[in-house]
Amino acid sequence: MDSKGSKLRWIASSLLAAASLLNAESLDSLLSALKRESLQLQHEKNLADSGQLEFSWVNPVTLGYTDSRSEQFDETQKRREFTVTVDQPIFKSGGIWYAVKYADASRNVGDLSIEAQRRQLIKQVVATLFNFRKNDYQIRKQKLLIENDRLDIERKKEQFLSGDLDSGFLDQAILKKNQDILNLYVLQDTRAQLHKQFRDLSDADPASIALPRLSLIKKERFLKNHIDLARQREAVTQKDYFNIMTWARYMPTVSLQASYVKPYENSYVFTGSRMTDMTDDYYTYGFRVTMPLDINSYYTIESTRVDYLNAKVQLSDRKREADNAYTAALKRLEVLDRMIALSKEDEKLYGSLVESTREKVEAGEMTEYDLKTMENSRTIRQLDQKIFDLDKQLVLLDLYEKSYVEPGNGEW
């Protein structure tokens, strides 16, 4: 971003785009009041800090008041006066200009850091909502698995009592049911943890928030609008300005010096047999040229230069990480698509088995246990598809957290 105004517009557009994704739910309403207040205070502090940096080159005007007595000579000498003193650099070999630019870049880095934090919090809220829904599907699936276990136990019990089945098979069926019940308890505990995580982040009711529907964004847009890359680019600019400021610190500085003195009435100085009146106002003014000769100047300048070069290296490294993150997301999405396709094939297969089993039940060749098992297995494959689809949404959410897109196109 080239200016503070464009940066703020960038952030505002980002927030509007995210709001449209969440079915008009305000982003701020997703976060708890305390987190909203904390983010706002961080913005205010960033503004104050950058303002302080912008005017750091301006020296304060010094006000002084003196009231003194001296017994150095034969008579008491009195001095009472009010002074205003200015000692202000007006030229620092470009350091003043780059101090202002450095403050602006620092403000942009701070704004983007806070915005990245906001987007991370929003992502955590939405991810928790996705996981809530996924947990619902997993619990329903687990209950169906337990029901199939019980049906299997009933079948094996009948076969065992009739002497057609070894007891070991019945024992394994009972153990599987118990393990599936334990897995259900784990899922129920996970749900409690998810509820706690959501309450830590938001004051809203998770049941009242409609889940967003994310789609894959193009790689070019993802990399172009990656918020971490934008922040690092601003950091490179910030380090560059600071490097120039450091260099200018050891160059000639021209300072304006001026003072105004207002002695009080009856102020005087007595020397020997003569008393001099000191009650008239007077001014002093002039300029000063300074240039520090510091043995550590080379190392200080070199340190800031290396810091700037390192920021550029980190930018290249962040670009590579962003590229790898997108590639990894594509591979993960591809695997999940295959898993969904397999579940659909299984659902179709179980659908045909349900019809065949129903016909055999009606013919007395199979039991209701067999039919119910097939129906449950078909429903389990349907739930698997929904679970895998939510896993895809979680993968896409990681991309959307980092990438800003123009509002009005249905994307975050």
Foldseek 3Di string as FASTA:
>chain_A
DPFPVVLVVLLVQLQQQVCVQQVNDHLVQQFAPVVVVVLVVLLVVLVVVLVCQLCVQFDDWDKDWDWDWDPPDPDIATFTKIKIKGKHWPDLPCLNVLSNVLSRLSSSLSVLVSSLVSLVLSLLLLLLLLVLVLLVLVLLLLVLVLVLLVLVLVVVVVCVVVVNDDVVVSVVSVVVSVVSVVVSVVSVVVNVVSVVSSVVTHPDDSVPGDRGDDDDDDLVQLLVFFSVLVSLVSVLVSLVSVLVSLVSLQPKIKIKIKMKMAIDPPRWGDDDPDIGDDGDIDMDIDMDIDGDDDPCSVVVSVVSVVVSVVSVVVSVVVSVVSSVLSVVLVVLLVVLVVLLVVLVVLLVVLVVVLVVVVVCVVVVNDHVSSNSSSVSSSVSSVSSNSSSSSVNVSSSSVSLSRGGDGHDPSHD
